[in-house]
PDB file of N, CA and C in Angstrom:
ATOM      1  N   MET A   1       0.843  -1.175   0.000  1.00  0.00           N
ATOM      2  CA  MET A   1       0.000   0.000   0.000  1.00  0.00           C
ATOM      3  C   MET A   1       0.893   1.245   0.000  1.00  0.00           C
ATOM      4  N   LYS A   2       0.598   2.155  -0.903  1.00  0.00           N
ATOM      5  CA  LYS A   2       1.366   3.390  -1.012  1.00  0.00           C
ATOM      6  C   LYS A   2       0.936   4.378   0.077  1.00  0.00           C
ATOM      7  N   LYS A   3       1.902   5.027   0.689  1.00  0.00           N
ATOM      8  CA  LYS A   3       1.596   6.050   1.700  1.00  0.00           C
ATOM      9  C   LYS A   3       1.564   7.413   1.015  1.00  0.00           C
ATOM     10  N   ARG A   4       0.672   8.244   1.467  1.00  0.00           N
ATOM     11  CA  ARG A   4       0.554   9.614   0.958  1.00  0.00           C
ATOM     12  C   ARG A   4       0.601  10.574   2.136  1.00  0.00           C
ATOM     13  N   SER A   5       1.032  11.763   1.838  1.00  0.00           N
ATOM     14  CA  SER A   5       1.109  12.807   2.851  1.00  0.00           C
ATOM     15  C   SER A   5       0.410  14.053   2.308  1.00  0.00           C
ATOM     16  N   TYR A   6      -0.446  14.630   3.110  1.00  0.00           N
ATOM     17  CA  TYR A   6      -1.173  15.827   2.707  1.00  0.00           C
ATOM     18  C   TYR A   6      -1.040  16.913   3.768  1.00  0.00           C
ATOM     19  N   THR A   7      -0.994  18.147   3.298  1.00  0.00           N
ATOM     20  CA  THR A   7      -0.978  19.293   4.197  1.00  0.00           C
ATOM     21  C   THR A   7      -2.365  19.461   4.807  1.00  0.00           C
ATOM     22  N   VAL A   8      -2.408  19.654   6.109  1.00  0.00           N
ATOM     23  CA  VAL A   8      -3.660  19.892   6.831  1.00  0.00           C
ATOM     24  C   VAL A   8      -3.569  21.278   7.464  1.00  0.00           C
ATOM     25  N   LEU A   9      -4.613  22.065   7.283  1.00  0.00           N
ATOM     26  CA  LEU A   9      -4.692  23.380   7.904  1.00  0.00           C
ATOM     27  C   LEU A   9      -5.641  23.310   9.088  1.00  0.00           C
ATOM     28  N   TYR A  10      -5.215  23.855  10.206  1.00  0.00           N
ATOM     29  CA  TYR A  10      -6.036  23.874  11.423  1.00  0.00           C
ATOM     30  C   TYR A  10      -6.393  25.318  11.747  1.00  0.00           C
ATOM     31  N   GLU A  11      -7.652  25.553  12.034  1.00  0.00           N
ATOM     32  CA  GLU A  11      -8.104  26.885  12.424  1.00  0.00           C
ATOM     33  C   GLU A  11      -8.887  26.779  13.726  1.00  0.00           C
ATOM     34  N   ALA A  12      -8.638  27.715  14.627  1.00  0.00           N
ATOM     35  CA  ALA A  12      -9.418  27.770  15.864  1.00  0.00           C
ATOM     36  C   ALA A  12     -10.834  28.211  15.518  1.00  0.00           C
ATOM     37  N   ASP A  13     -11.811  27.488  16.008  1.00  0.00           N
ATOM     38  CA  ASP A  13     -13.211  27.833  15.793  1.00  0.00           C
ATOM     39  C   ASP A  13     -13.608  28.851  16.853  1.00  0.00           C
ATOM     40  N   PRO A  14     -14.212  29.969  16.467  1.00  0.00           N
ATOM     41  CA  PRO A  14     -14.603  30.986  17.447  1.00  0.00           C
ATOM     42  C   PRO A  14     -15.518  30.445  18.549  1.00  0.00           C
ATOM     43  N   GLN A  15     -16.246  29.369  18.252  1.00  0.00           N
ATOM     44  CA  GLN A  15     -17.153  28.786  19.247  1.00  0.00           C
ATOM     45  C   GLN A  15     -16.465  27.696  20.070  1.00  0.00           C
ATOM     46  N   GLY A  16     -15.177  27.482  19.816  1.00  0.00           N
ATOM     47  CA  GLY A  16     -14.413  26.481  20.549  1.00  0.00           C
ATOM     48  C   GLY A  16     -13.989  25.331  19.659  1.00  0.00           C
ATOM     49  N   GLY A  17     -12.876  24.745  19.987  1.00  0.00           N
ATOM     50  CA  GLY A  17     -12.369  23.624  19.216  1.00  0.00           C
ATOM     51  C   GLY A  17     -11.611  24.077  17.981  1.00  0.00           C
ATOM     52  N   PHE A  18     -11.377  23.128  17.081  1.00  0.00           N
ATOM     53  CA  PHE A  18     -10.576  23.380  15.889  1.00  0.00           C
ATOM     54  C   PHE A  18     -11.223  22.733  14.673  1.00  0.00           C
ATOM     55  N   VAL A  19     -11.084  23.404  13.534  1.00  0.00           N
ATOM     56  CA  VAL A  19     -11.542  22.885  12.252  1.00  0.00           C
ATOM     57  C   VAL A  19     -10.308  22.550  11.443  1.00  0.00           C
ATOM     58  N   ALA A  20     -10.311  21.372  10.811  1.00  0.00           N
ATOM     59  CA  ALA A  20      -9.185  20.927   9.996  1.00  0.00           C
ATOM     60  C   ALA A  20      -9.644  20.770   8.554  1.00  0.00           C
ATOM     61  N   SER A  21      -8.798  21.187   7.618  1.00  0.00           N
ATOM     62  CA  SER A  21      -9.121  21.037   6.197  1.00  0.00           C
ATOM     63  C   SER A  21      -7.879  20.600   5.434  1.00  0.00           C
ATOM     64  N   VAL A  22      -8.121  19.962   4.292  1.00  0.00           N
ATOM     65  CA  VAL A  22      -7.046  19.456   3.437  1.00  0.00           C
ATOM     66  C   VAL A  22      -7.200  20.134   2.073  1.00  0.00           C
ATOM     67  N   PRO A  23      -6.396  21.152   1.767  1.00  0.00           N
ATOM     68  CA  PRO A  23      -6.559  21.887   0.513  1.00  0.00           C
ATOM     69  C   PRO A  23      -6.496  21.013  -0.749  1.00  0.00           C
ATOM     70  N   ALA A  24      -5.714  19.963  -0.741  1.00  0.00           N
ATOM     71  CA  ALA A  24      -5.573  19.108  -1.923  1.00  0.00           C
ATOM     72  C   ALA A  24      -6.772  18.189  -2.134  1.00  0.00           C
ATOM     73  N   LEU A  25      -7.638  18.072  -1.121  1.00  0.00           N
ATOM     74  CA  LEU A  25      -8.795  17.183  -1.211  1.00  0.00           C
ATOM     75  C   LEU A  25     -10.061  18.016  -0.997  1.00  0.00           C
ATOM     76  N   PRO A  26     -10.614  18.561  -2.062  1.00  0.00           N
ATOM     77  CA  PRO A  26     -11.771  19.449  -1.934  1.00  0.00           C
ATOM     78  C   PRO A  26     -12.903  18.816  -1.126  1.00  0.00           C
ATOM     79  N   GLY A  27     -13.387  19.565  -0.147  1.00  0.00           N
ATOM     80  CA  GLY A  27     -14.485  19.101   0.680  1.00  0.00           C
ATOM     81  C   GLY A  27     -14.077  18.213   1.837  1.00  0.00           C
ATOM     82  N   CYS A  28     -12.778  18.003   2.019  1.00  0.00           N
ATOM     83  CA  CYS A  28     -12.299  17.147   3.110  1.00  0.00           C
ATOM     84  C   CYS A  28     -12.037  18.017   4.338  1.00  0.00           C
ATOM     85  N   TYR A  29     -12.984  17.974   5.272  1.00  0.00           N
ATOM     86  CA  TYR A  29     -12.931  18.768   6.497  1.00  0.00           C
ATOM     87  C   TYR A  29     -13.263  17.890   7.687  1.00  0.00           C
ATOM     88  N   SER A  30     -12.826  18.298   8.849  1.00  0.00           N
ATOM     89  CA  SER A  30     -13.235  17.658  10.088  1.00  0.00           C
ATOM     90  C   SER A  30     -13.031  18.658  11.213  1.00  0.00           C
ATOM     91  N   GLN A  31     -13.292  18.215  12.435  1.00  0.00           N
ATOM     92  CA  GLN A  31     -13.138  19.113  13.575  1.00  0.00           C
ATOM     93  C   GLN A  31     -12.879  18.301  14.829  1.00  0.00           C
ATOM     94  N   GLY A  32     -12.518  19.012  15.881  1.00  0.00           N
ATOM     95  CA  GLY A  32     -12.303  18.366  17.170  1.00  0.00           C
ATOM     96  C   GLY A  32     -12.243  19.410  18.258  1.00  0.00           C
ATOM     97  N   ASP A  33     -12.455  18.966  19.482  1.00  0.00           N
ATOM     98  CA  ASP A  33     -12.390  19.877  20.625  1.00  0.00           C
ATOM     99  C   ASP A  33     -10.957  20.306  20.922  1.00  0.00           C
ATOM    100  N   THR A  34      -9.985  19.454  20.583  1.00  0.00           N
ATOM    101  CA  THR A  34      -8.562  19.757  20.766  1.00  0.00           C
ATOM    102  C   THR A  34      -7.848  19.544  19.440  1.00  0.00           C
ATOM    103  N   LEU A  35      -6.620  20.049  19.333  1.00  0.00           N
ATOM    104  CA  LEU A  35      -5.839  19.810  18.113  1.00  0.00           C
ATOM    105  C   LEU A  35      -5.612  18.319  17.892  1.00  0.00           C
ATOM    106  N   GLU A  36      -5.358  17.591  18.972  1.00  0.00           N
ATOM    107  CA  GLU A  36      -5.125  16.150  18.860  1.00  0.00           C
ATOM    108  C   GLU A  36      -6.359  15.439  18.315  1.00  0.00           C
ATOM    109  N   GLU A  37      -7.525  15.828  18.811  1.00  0.00           N
ATOM    110  CA  GLU A  37      -8.769  15.225  18.351  1.00  0.00           C
ATOM    111  C   GLU A  37      -9.046  15.602  16.894  1.00  0.00           C
ATOM    112  N   ALA A  38      -8.794  16.859  16.547  1.00  0.00           N
ATOM    113  CA  ALA A  38      -8.992  17.299  15.168  1.00  0.00           C
ATOM    114  C   ALA A  38      -8.061  16.531  14.226  1.00  0.00           C
ATOM    115  N   GLU A  39      -6.819  16.294  14.658  1.00  0.00           N
ATOM    116  CA  GLU A  39      -5.874  15.540  13.831  1.00  0.00           C
ATOM    117  C   GLU A  39      -6.349  14.097  13.639  1.00  0.00           C
ATOM    118  N   LYS A  40      -6.834  13.484  14.693  1.00  0.00           N
ATOM    119  CA  LYS A  40      -7.355  12.117  14.592  1.00  0.00           C
ATOM    120  C   LYS A  40      -8.525  12.067  13.612  1.00  0.00           C
ATOM    121  N   HIS A  41      -9.437  13.018  13.735  1.00  0.00           N
ATOM    122  CA  HIS A  41     -10.624  13.032  12.885  1.00  0.00           C
ATOM    123  C   HIS A  41     -10.282  13.332  11.428  1.00  0.00           C
ATOM    124  N   ILE A  42      -9.343  14.257  11.173  1.00  0.00           N
ATOM    125  CA  ILE A  42      -9.016  14.568   9.779  1.00  0.00           C
ATOM    126  C   ILE A  42      -8.251  13.409   9.145  1.00  0.00           C
ATOM    127  N   THR A  43      -7.474  12.675   9.934  1.00  0.00           N
ATOM    128  CA  THR A  43      -6.800  11.484   9.410  1.00  0.00           C
ATOM    129  C   THR A  43      -7.837  10.471   8.945  1.00  0.00           C
ATOM    130  N   GLU A  44      -8.860  10.262   9.745  1.00  0.00           N
ATOM    131  CA  GLU A  44      -9.940   9.349   9.364  1.00  0.00           C
ATOM    132  C   GLU A  44     -10.670   9.860   8.123  1.00  0.00           C
ATOM    133  N   ALA A  45     -10.905  11.167   8.051  1.00  0.00           N
ATOM    134  CA  ALA A  45     -11.597  11.754   6.899  1.00  0.00           C
ATOM    135  C   ALA A  45     -10.769  11.582   5.621  1.00  0.00           C
ATOM    136  N   ILE A  46      -9.460  11.771   5.719  1.00  0.00           N
ATOM    137  CA  ILE A  46      -8.585  11.592   4.557  1.00  0.00           C
ATOM    138  C   ILE A  46      -8.630  10.136   4.097  1.00  0.00           C
ATOM    139  N   GLU A  47      -8.543   9.204   5.035  1.00  0.00           N
ATOM    140  CA  GLU A  47      -8.587   7.784   4.678  1.00  0.00           C
ATOM    141  C   GLU A  47      -9.887   7.442   3.959  1.00  0.00           C
ATOM    142  N   LEU A  48     -11.013   7.930   4.476  1.00  0.00           N
ATOM    143  CA  LEU A  48     -12.303   7.669   3.835  1.00  0.00           C
ATOM    144  C   LEU A  48     -12.396   8.327   2.461  1.00  0.00           C
ATOM    145  N   TYR A  49     -11.881   9.533   2.338  1.00  0.00           N
ATOM    146  CA  TYR A  49     -11.876  10.259   1.070  1.00  0.00           C
ATOM    147  C   TYR A  49     -11.118   9.448   0.020  1.00  0.00           C
ATOM    148  N   LEU A  50      -9.926   8.972   0.394  1.00  0.00           N
ATOM    149  CA  LEU A  50      -9.099   8.215  -0.553  1.00  0.00           C
ATOM    150  C   LEU A  50      -9.713   6.856  -0.867  1.00  0.00           C
ATOM    151  N   GLU A  51     -10.349   6.214   0.113  1.00  0.00           N
ATOM    152  CA  GLU A  51     -11.035   4.941  -0.140  1.00  0.00           C
ATOM    153  C   GLU A  51     -12.169   5.132  -1.146  1.00  0.00           C
ATOM    154  N   THR A  52     -12.911   6.231  -1.009  1.00  0.00           N
ATOM    155  CA  THR A  52     -14.002   6.515  -1.936  1.00  0.00           C
ATOM    156  C   THR A  52     -13.474   6.722  -3.348  1.00  0.00           C
ATOM    157  N   LEU A  53     -12.382   7.463  -3.476  1.00  0.00           N
ATOM    158  CA  LEU A  53     -11.768   7.644  -4.804  1.00  0.00           C
ATOM    159  C   LEU A  53     -11.378   6.298  -5.397  1.00  0.00           C
ATOM    160  N   GLN A  54     -10.762   5.460  -4.573  1.00  0.00           N
ATOM    161  CA  GLN A  54     -10.322   4.144  -5.044  1.00  0.00           C
ATOM    162  C   GLN A  54     -11.531   3.307  -5.477  1.00  0.00           C
ATOM    163  N   ASP A  55     -12.600   3.322  -4.708  1.00  0.00           N
ATOM    164  CA  ASP A  55     -13.816   2.584  -5.054  1.00  0.00           C
ATOM    165  C   ASP A  55     -14.405   3.068  -6.377  1.00  0.00           C
ATOM    166  N   ASP A  56     -14.244   4.365  -6.667  1.00  0.00           N
ATOM    167  CA  ASP A  56     -14.749   4.954  -7.908  1.00  0.00           C
ATOM    168  C   ASP A  56     -13.720   4.883  -9.043  1.00  0.00           C
ATOM    169  N   HIS A  57     -12.608   4.170  -8.789  1.00  0.00           N
ATOM    170  CA  HIS A  57     -11.528   3.996  -9.777  1.00  0.00           C
ATOM    171  C   HIS A  57     -10.947   5.337 -10.227  1.00  0.00           C
ATOM    172  N   LYS A  58     -10.793   6.237  -9.275  1.00  0.00           N
ATOM    173  CA  LYS A  58     -10.188   7.547  -9.533  1.00  0.00           C
ATOM    174  C   LYS A  58      -8.858   7.626  -8.802  1.00  0.00           C
ATOM    175  N   ALA A  59      -7.923   8.348  -9.383  1.00  0.00           N
ATOM    176  CA  ALA A  59      -6.598   8.499  -8.779  1.00  0.00           C
ATOM    177  C   ALA A  59      -6.648   9.474  -7.608  1.00  0.00           C
ATOM    178  N   ALA A  60      -5.854   9.198  -6.606  1.00  0.00           N
ATOM    179  CA  ALA A  60      -5.715  10.124  -5.478  1.00  0.00           C
ATOM    180  C   ALA A  60      -4.937  11.347  -5.950  1.00  0.00           C
ATOM    181  N   PRO A  61      -5.395  12.537  -5.592  1.00  0.00           N
ATOM    182  CA  PRO A  61      -4.714  13.757  -6.022  1.00  0.00           C
ATOM    183  C   PRO A  61      -3.301  13.865  -5.445  1.00  0.00           C
ATOM    184  N   GLU A  62      -2.419  14.379  -6.256  1.00  0.00           N
ATOM    185  CA  GLU A  62      -1.093  14.753  -5.776  1.00  0.00           C
ATOM    186  C   GLU A  62      -1.215  16.154  -5.196  1.00  0.00           C
ATOM    187  N   GLU A  63      -0.431  16.417  -4.207  1.00  0.00           N
ATOM    188  CA  GLU A  63      -0.479  17.748  -3.597  1.00  0.00           C
ATOM    189  C   GLU A  63       0.466  18.692  -4.335  1.00  0.00           C
ATOM    190  N   HIS A  64      -0.074  19.843  -4.691  1.00  0.00           N
ATOM    191  CA  HIS A  64       0.715  20.898  -5.331  1.00  0.00           C
ATOM    192  C   HIS A  64       0.521  22.163  -4.508  1.00  0.00           C
ATOM    193  N   LEU A  65       1.076  22.147  -3.323  1.00  0.00           N
ATOM    194  CA  LEU A  65       0.874  23.236  -2.380  1.00  0.00           C
ATOM    195  C   LEU A  65       2.218  23.628  -1.791  1.00  0.00           C
ATOM    196  N   TRP A  66       2.471  24.897  -1.784  1.00  0.00           N
ATOM    197  CA  TRP A  66       3.667  25.417  -1.130  1.00  0.00           C
ATOM    198  C   TRP A  66       3.188  26.428  -0.112  1.00  0.00           C
ATOM    199  N   GLN A  67       3.841  26.447   0.995  1.00  0.00           N
ATOM    200  CA  GLN A  67       3.443  27.413   2.001  1.00  0.00           C
ATOM    201  C   GLN A  67       4.650  28.188   2.491  1.00  0.00           C
ATOM    202  N   GLY A  68       4.374  29.362   2.938  1.00  0.00           N
ATOM    203  CA  GLY A  68       5.414  30.226   3.457  1.00  0.00           C
ATOM    204  C   GLY A  68       4.794  31.232   4.395  1.00  0.00           C
ATOM    205  N   ARG A  69       5.633  32.047   4.933  1.00  0.00           N
ATOM    206  CA  ARG A  69       5.166  33.092   5.841  1.00  0.00           C
ATOM    207  C   ARG A  69       5.807  34.388   5.392  1.00  0.00           C
ATOM    208  N   VAL A  70       5.011  35.425   5.366  1.00  0.00           N
ATOM    209  CA  VAL A  70       5.468  36.748   4.948  1.00  0.00           C
ATOM    210  C   VAL A  70       5.288  37.712   6.107  1.00  0.00           C
ATOM    211  N   GLU A  71       6.305  38.480   6.405  1.00  0.00           N
ATOM    212  CA  GLU A  71       6.212  39.471   7.467  1.00  0.00           C
ATOM    213  C   GLU A  71       5.990  40.844   6.833  1.00  0.00           C
ATOM    214  N   VAL A  72       5.039  41.588   7.383  1.00  0.00           N
ATOM    215  CA  VAL A  72       4.738  42.936   6.877  1.00  0.00           C
ATOM    216  C   VAL A  72       4.700  43.912   8.035  1.00  0.00           C
ATOM    217  N   ALA A  73       5.050  45.136   7.740  1.00  0.00           N
ATOM    218  CA  ALA A  73       4.981  46.184   8.755  1.00  0.00           C
ATOM    219  C   ALA A  73       3.573  46.774   8.760  1.00  0.00           C
ATOM    220  N   VAL A  74       3.051  46.985   9.962  1.00  0.00           N
ATOM    221  CA  VAL A  74       1.712  47.596  10.067  1.00  0.00           C
ATOM    222  C   VAL A  74       1.736  48.760  11.034  1.00  0.00           C
TER     223      VAL A  74
END
């Protein structure tokens, strides 16, 4: 079985907890009360997303994402 790695973005939810998303997998989101829980849930969501693609005989997307940080004066 081939292993894949995807970038996950975590955002604090104003109502509490964290929302996780995977930019390379449109519509792949999850959440959790803690970062650890959100990571567990998004891992499960990614696995299910990729299983569904495989069941539909579609290729798993390759990630084409670069990230950086820019500092600006305000």
